[in-house]
Amino acid sequence: MNLSNLNVAELRDLEEKVRRELKKREGEELSRAREEILSIAQKLGVPLKEILGSQGKSKPGKAASNFQHPDDAALHWSGRGRKPGWVKQWLESGKTLEALRT
């Protein structure tokens, strides 16, 4: 398709059509993926909740951890509220908070 022959209005119209088509196709792909996952879970007799587990989800009411100590995975912080002692020590040693971001 040669776009150089289109004026600005035609290009914007084309852009909108592309956006709509992408949204439609992404929805279709997501739907197909969901159906495949459900089908596999049913064939195996495994509840979908068990497959998904709690991966990537934080406990209700708790903020997800955004910062973690690189040497000790047990040390993590959401970035909310007061900085924990280990974060303060990290910063006092001249290191950046960004280096702890997960």
N, C-alpha and C. Protein backbone atom coordinates (compact mmCIF):
# COMPACT_ATOMS: atom_id res chain seq x y z
N MET A 1 0.85 -1.18 0.00
CA MET A 1 0.00 0.00 0.00
C MET A 1 0.89 1.23 0.00
N ASN A 2 0.68 2.11 -0.93
CA ASN A 2 1.47 3.34 -1.04
C ASN A 2 0.77 4.45 -0.25
N LEU A 3 1.32 4.82 0.87
CA LEU A 3 0.71 5.83 1.73
C LEU A 3 1.01 7.26 1.29
N SER A 4 1.98 7.41 0.44
CA SER A 4 2.37 8.77 0.03
C SER A 4 1.29 9.45 -0.81
N ASN A 5 0.37 8.69 -1.36
CA ASN A 5 -0.70 9.27 -2.17
C ASN A 5 -1.91 9.72 -1.34
N LEU A 6 -1.91 9.39 -0.03
CA LEU A 6 -3.04 9.73 0.83
C LEU A 6 -2.84 11.09 1.48
N ASN A 7 -3.94 11.84 1.62
CA ASN A 7 -3.84 13.11 2.34
C ASN A 7 -3.96 12.84 3.85
N VAL A 8 -3.83 13.88 4.65
CA VAL A 8 -3.82 13.73 6.10
C VAL A 8 -5.11 13.11 6.62
N ALA A 9 -6.24 13.57 6.11
CA ALA A 9 -7.54 13.04 6.55
C ALA A 9 -7.66 11.55 6.24
N GLU A 10 -7.19 11.15 5.07
CA GLU A 10 -7.24 9.74 4.69
C GLU A 10 -6.31 8.91 5.56
N LEU A 11 -5.15 9.48 5.88
CA LEU A 11 -4.21 8.77 6.76
C LEU A 11 -4.80 8.59 8.16
N ARG A 12 -5.45 9.64 8.67
CA ARG A 12 -6.07 9.53 10.00
C ARG A 12 -7.20 8.50 9.99
N ASP A 13 -7.96 8.46 8.93
CA ASP A 13 -9.03 7.48 8.80
C ASP A 13 -8.44 6.06 8.78
N LEU A 14 -7.38 5.90 8.03
CA LEU A 14 -6.70 4.60 7.97
C LEU A 14 -6.15 4.22 9.34
N GLU A 15 -5.57 5.19 10.03
CA GLU A 15 -5.03 4.95 11.37
C GLU A 15 -6.14 4.45 12.31
N GLU A 16 -7.29 5.07 12.25
CA GLU A 16 -8.42 4.67 13.11
C GLU A 16 -8.89 3.26 12.76
N LYS A 17 -8.95 2.95 11.46
CA LYS A 17 -9.35 1.62 11.04
C LYS A 17 -8.36 0.57 11.54
N VAL A 18 -7.07 0.89 11.48
CA VAL A 18 -6.04 -0.03 11.96
C VAL A 18 -6.19 -0.25 13.47
N ARG A 19 -6.43 0.83 14.21
CA ARG A 19 -6.63 0.70 15.66
C ARG A 19 -7.80 -0.22 16.00
N ARG A 20 -8.91 0.00 15.31
CA ARG A 20 -10.10 -0.83 15.56
C ARG A 20 -9.83 -2.29 15.23
N GLU A 21 -9.16 -2.52 14.10
CA GLU A 21 -8.87 -3.89 13.68
C GLU A 21 -7.92 -4.57 14.67
N LEU A 22 -6.91 -3.84 15.13
CA LEU A 22 -5.98 -4.39 16.13
C LEU A 22 -6.71 -4.77 17.42
N LYS A 23 -7.58 -3.88 17.86
CA LYS A 23 -8.33 -4.14 19.09
C LYS A 23 -9.20 -5.39 18.92
N LYS A 24 -9.84 -5.50 17.79
CA LYS A 24 -10.70 -6.65 17.50
C LYS A 24 -9.88 -7.94 17.49
N ARG A 25 -8.76 -7.93 16.78
CA ARG A 25 -7.94 -9.13 16.66
C ARG A 25 -7.30 -9.52 17.98
N GLU A 26 -6.86 -8.53 18.76
CA GLU A 26 -6.28 -8.83 20.07
C GLU A 26 -7.32 -9.48 20.97
N GLY A 27 -8.56 -8.99 20.90
CA GLY A 27 -9.66 -9.59 21.67
C GLY A 27 -9.92 -11.02 21.24
N GLU A 28 -9.89 -11.27 19.94
CA GLU A 28 -10.09 -12.61 19.41
C GLU A 28 -8.98 -13.55 19.86
N GLU A 29 -7.73 -13.07 19.81
CA GLU A 29 -6.61 -13.90 20.24
C GLU A 29 -6.69 -14.22 21.72
N LEU A 30 -7.05 -13.24 22.51
CA LEU A 30 -7.19 -13.46 23.94
C LEU A 30 -8.29 -14.48 24.22
N SER A 31 -9.37 -14.38 23.50
CA SER A 31 -10.48 -15.31 23.66
C SER A 31 -10.06 -16.73 23.29
N ARG A 32 -9.34 -16.87 22.17
CA ARG A 32 -8.85 -18.19 21.76
C ARG A 32 -7.88 -18.76 22.79
N ALA A 33 -6.99 -17.94 23.30
CA ALA A 33 -6.03 -18.40 24.30
C ALA A 33 -6.76 -18.86 25.57
N ARG A 34 -7.75 -18.09 25.98
CA ARG A 34 -8.52 -18.44 27.17
C ARG A 34 -9.22 -19.79 26.97
N GLU A 35 -9.82 -19.99 25.79
CA GLU A 35 -10.50 -21.26 25.49
C GLU A 35 -9.53 -22.43 25.51
N GLU A 36 -8.33 -22.24 24.95
CA GLU A 36 -7.33 -23.30 24.93
C GLU A 36 -6.89 -23.67 26.35
N ILE A 37 -6.66 -22.66 27.16
CA ILE A 37 -6.24 -22.90 28.54
C ILE A 37 -7.32 -23.65 29.31
N LEU A 38 -8.56 -23.23 29.16
CA LEU A 38 -9.67 -23.90 29.84
C LEU A 38 -9.81 -25.34 29.36
N SER A 39 -9.65 -25.56 28.05
CA SER A 39 -9.75 -26.90 27.49
C SER A 39 -8.68 -27.82 28.05
N ILE A 40 -7.45 -27.34 28.12
CA ILE A 40 -6.35 -28.13 28.67
C ILE A 40 -6.61 -28.46 30.13
N ALA A 41 -7.05 -27.47 30.90
CA ALA A 41 -7.33 -27.68 32.32
C ALA A 41 -8.43 -28.74 32.49
N GLN A 42 -9.47 -28.66 31.66
CA GLN A 42 -10.57 -29.63 31.76
C GLN A 42 -10.10 -31.03 31.39
N LYS A 43 -9.27 -31.14 30.34
CA LYS A 43 -8.76 -32.45 29.94
C LYS A 43 -7.94 -33.09 31.04
N LEU A 44 -7.18 -32.28 31.76
CA LEU A 44 -6.35 -32.78 32.84
C LEU A 44 -7.12 -32.95 34.14
N GLY A 45 -8.31 -32.40 34.20
CA GLY A 45 -9.11 -32.48 35.42
C GLY A 45 -8.57 -31.61 36.54
N VAL A 46 -7.88 -30.55 36.14
CA VAL A 46 -7.28 -29.64 37.12
C VAL A 46 -8.06 -28.34 37.13
N PRO A 47 -8.47 -27.87 38.32
CA PRO A 47 -9.17 -26.59 38.38
C PRO A 47 -8.27 -25.45 37.88
N LEU A 48 -8.84 -24.54 37.15
CA LEU A 48 -8.08 -23.43 36.60
C LEU A 48 -7.41 -22.62 37.70
N LYS A 49 -8.10 -22.45 38.83
CA LYS A 49 -7.53 -21.70 39.95
C LYS A 49 -6.23 -22.34 40.42
N GLU A 50 -6.17 -23.66 40.39
CA GLU A 50 -4.95 -24.36 40.82
C GLU A 50 -3.81 -24.12 39.84
N ILE A 51 -4.13 -24.06 38.56
CA ILE A 51 -3.10 -23.81 37.54
C ILE A 51 -2.54 -22.40 37.70
N LEU A 52 -3.44 -21.44 37.84
CA LEU A 52 -3.02 -20.06 37.95
C LEU A 52 -2.40 -19.76 39.30
N GLY A 53 -2.88 -20.42 40.33
CA GLY A 53 -2.34 -20.19 41.67
C GLY A 53 -2.42 -18.73 42.03
N SER A 54 -1.46 -18.29 42.80
CA SER A 54 -1.44 -16.88 43.20
C SER A 54 -0.26 -16.17 42.56
N GLN A 55 0.24 -16.71 41.47
CA GLN A 55 1.38 -16.11 40.80
C GLN A 55 1.06 -14.71 40.33
N GLY A 56 1.94 -13.79 40.67
CA GLY A 56 1.80 -12.42 40.21
C GLY A 56 0.76 -11.62 40.94
N LYS A 57 0.12 -12.22 41.93
CA LYS A 57 -0.90 -11.49 42.68
C LYS A 57 -0.44 -11.31 44.11
N SER A 58 -0.69 -10.15 44.63
CA SER A 58 -0.37 -9.92 46.02
C SER A 58 -1.58 -10.26 46.87
N LYS A 59 -1.36 -10.38 48.16
CA LYS A 59 -2.46 -10.67 49.07
C LYS A 59 -3.40 -9.48 49.08
N PRO A 60 -4.70 -9.75 49.25
CA PRO A 60 -5.66 -8.64 49.29
C PRO A 60 -5.29 -7.65 50.39
N GLY A 61 -5.35 -6.38 50.06
CA GLY A 61 -5.07 -5.36 51.05
C GLY A 61 -3.60 -5.03 51.19
N LYS A 62 -2.74 -5.77 50.53
CA LYS A 62 -1.31 -5.50 50.61
C LYS A 62 -0.83 -4.99 49.26
N ALA A 63 0.06 -4.03 49.31
CA ALA A 63 0.64 -3.50 48.08
C ALA A 63 1.69 -4.47 47.57
N ALA A 64 1.83 -4.56 46.27
CA ALA A 64 2.84 -5.42 45.67
C ALA A 64 4.23 -4.86 45.96
N SER A 65 5.20 -5.74 46.06
CA SER A 65 6.57 -5.32 46.30
C SER A 65 7.15 -4.72 45.03
N ASN A 66 7.69 -3.52 45.15
CA ASN A 66 8.32 -2.87 44.02
C ASN A 66 9.83 -2.82 44.14
N PHE A 67 10.33 -3.09 45.36
CA PHE A 67 11.76 -3.04 45.62
C PHE A 67 12.17 -4.30 46.38
N GLN A 68 13.32 -4.87 45.99
CA GLN A 68 13.80 -6.08 46.63
C GLN A 68 15.32 -6.03 46.72
N HIS A 69 15.83 -6.50 47.86
CA HIS A 69 17.28 -6.53 48.05
C HIS A 69 17.87 -7.57 47.10
N PRO A 70 18.91 -7.23 46.35
CA PRO A 70 19.46 -8.16 45.37
C PRO A 70 20.09 -9.41 45.98
N ASP A 71 20.54 -9.32 47.23
CA ASP A 71 21.21 -10.45 47.87
C ASP A 71 20.30 -11.24 48.81
N ASP A 72 19.15 -10.69 49.17
CA ASP A 72 18.25 -11.35 50.10
C ASP A 72 16.81 -11.13 49.65
N ALA A 73 16.25 -12.12 48.98
CA ALA A 73 14.90 -12.01 48.42
C ALA A 73 13.84 -11.81 49.49
N ALA A 74 14.15 -12.13 50.74
CA ALA A 74 13.18 -11.96 51.83
C ALA A 74 12.98 -10.48 52.16
N LEU A 75 13.92 -9.65 51.74
CA LEU A 75 13.83 -8.22 52.01
C LEU A 75 13.18 -7.53 50.82
N HIS A 76 11.96 -7.09 51.02
CA HIS A 76 11.25 -6.40 49.95
C HIS A 76 10.41 -5.28 50.56
N TRP A 77 10.03 -4.33 49.69
CA TRP A 77 9.29 -3.14 50.13
C TRP A 77 8.41 -2.67 48.99
N SER A 78 7.20 -2.24 49.31
CA SER A 78 6.25 -1.79 48.29
C SER A 78 6.58 -0.40 47.75
N GLY A 79 7.34 0.37 48.52
CA GLY A 79 7.61 1.75 48.13
C GLY A 79 6.66 2.71 48.82
N ARG A 80 5.74 2.16 49.58
CA ARG A 80 4.79 2.97 50.33
C ARG A 80 5.24 3.07 51.78
N GLY A 81 4.89 4.17 52.40
CA GLY A 81 5.20 4.32 53.82
C GLY A 81 6.67 4.56 54.07
N ARG A 82 7.07 4.32 55.32
CA ARG A 82 8.47 4.56 55.70
C ARG A 82 9.40 3.56 55.05
N LYS A 83 10.60 4.00 54.77
CA LYS A 83 11.60 3.11 54.20
C LYS A 83 12.08 2.15 55.29
N PRO A 84 12.14 0.87 54.98
CA PRO A 84 12.69 -0.09 55.95
C PRO A 84 14.18 0.19 56.18
N GLY A 85 14.69 -0.32 57.28
CA GLY A 85 16.09 -0.10 57.63
C GLY A 85 17.05 -0.54 56.54
N TRP A 86 16.78 -1.69 55.92
CA TRP A 86 17.69 -2.19 54.89
C TRP A 86 17.73 -1.25 53.69
N VAL A 87 16.61 -0.57 53.38
CA VAL A 87 16.59 0.39 52.27
C VAL A 87 17.40 1.62 52.65
N LYS A 88 17.23 2.09 53.88
CA LYS A 88 17.99 3.25 54.35
C LYS A 88 19.49 2.96 54.29
N GLN A 89 19.89 1.77 54.75
CA GLN A 89 21.31 1.40 54.71
C GLN A 89 21.82 1.35 53.27
N TRP A 90 21.01 0.82 52.39
CA TRP A 90 21.36 0.74 50.98
C TRP A 90 21.63 2.13 50.41
N LEU A 91 20.73 3.07 50.69
CA LEU A 91 20.85 4.43 50.18
C LEU A 91 22.04 5.15 50.82
N GLU A 92 22.26 4.93 52.12
CA GLU A 92 23.37 5.56 52.82
C GLU A 92 24.72 5.08 52.30
N SER A 93 24.74 3.89 51.73
CA SER A 93 25.99 3.36 51.18
C SER A 93 26.29 3.93 49.79
N GLY A 94 25.40 4.83 49.32
CA GLY A 94 25.63 5.49 48.03
C GLY A 94 24.97 4.82 46.86
N LYS A 95 24.21 3.78 47.10
CA LYS A 95 23.53 3.08 46.02
C LYS A 95 22.17 3.70 45.77
N THR A 96 21.60 3.45 44.60
CA THR A 96 20.34 4.09 44.24
C THR A 96 19.15 3.19 44.54
N LEU A 97 18.02 3.83 44.76
CA LEU A 97 16.77 3.11 44.97
C LEU A 97 16.37 2.37 43.71
N GLU A 98 16.67 2.96 42.58
CA GLU A 98 16.33 2.35 41.28
C GLU A 98 16.99 0.98 41.12
N ALA A 99 18.14 0.78 41.73
CA ALA A 99 18.84 -0.50 41.64
C ALA A 99 18.07 -1.61 42.35
N LEU A 100 17.14 -1.24 43.23
CA LEU A 100 16.36 -2.23 43.97
C LEU A 100 15.01 -2.52 43.32
N ARG A 101 14.65 -1.73 42.32
CA ARG A 101 13.32 -1.87 41.71
C ARG A 101 13.18 -3.23 41.04
N THR A 102 12.00 -3.84 41.24
CA THR A 102 11.76 -5.17 40.65
C THR A 102 10.98 -5.02 39.37
